[in-house]
Amino acid sequence: MTTFTILLFVFVVVLFAYLFLIEKEIVFKSRRKSTSFYLILLLGVGTIVMALLNPTTLDENMRRILAGLIILSFLMDAKGFAENHISVNAMDKKGIPYSEVERIVLLKTKNQVKVNFFRRGMRGPLFVLNEPLEEIVEFLATHLKEGTPIDILLDEKK
């Protein structure tokens, strides 16, 4: 194996270790299965399958498999609420501290809760959570700074 392949292997191991640690830190995870989720899954698995079905040298096969794993790492999108910050993407280790949040809006729909927050007068990204509304409100009430408004909207469409 060449030096590049070894470095790529080390990179993939460190990347997945980091992503697992970040995801483990998140208390309420926001996940959406959109079309891009399935596209990334297809590309990643397709790359790995092509490496296994079209064997060449060991070095090239390792690179293809590692490339497929790097593509699949995009599926580990750790967004949500951690103990001490709001994580808006997996590569932002510090996230947004709860002390900077000015307002939270929760929209309760049929089987999910949509959460949006405001910071410095601007709206943050939308999180879609599958946890009960009561648990989310209790968590936010204990972690946000004193006096931060939490608006709860109920979607009564049937």
Foldseek 3Di string as FASTA:
>chain_A
DDPVLVVLVVVLVVLVVLLVVLQVQADFFFDDDDPVLVVLVCVLVVQLVCLVVVDDDPSVSSVSNSVSSVSVSQRSWGAHHGLAEGAHGSVPSVHHGLAQWQEKEWEDEDQWIWIWTDGPNDIDDIGITRDDPVVVVVSSVVRHPPPRYYHYHYDPDD
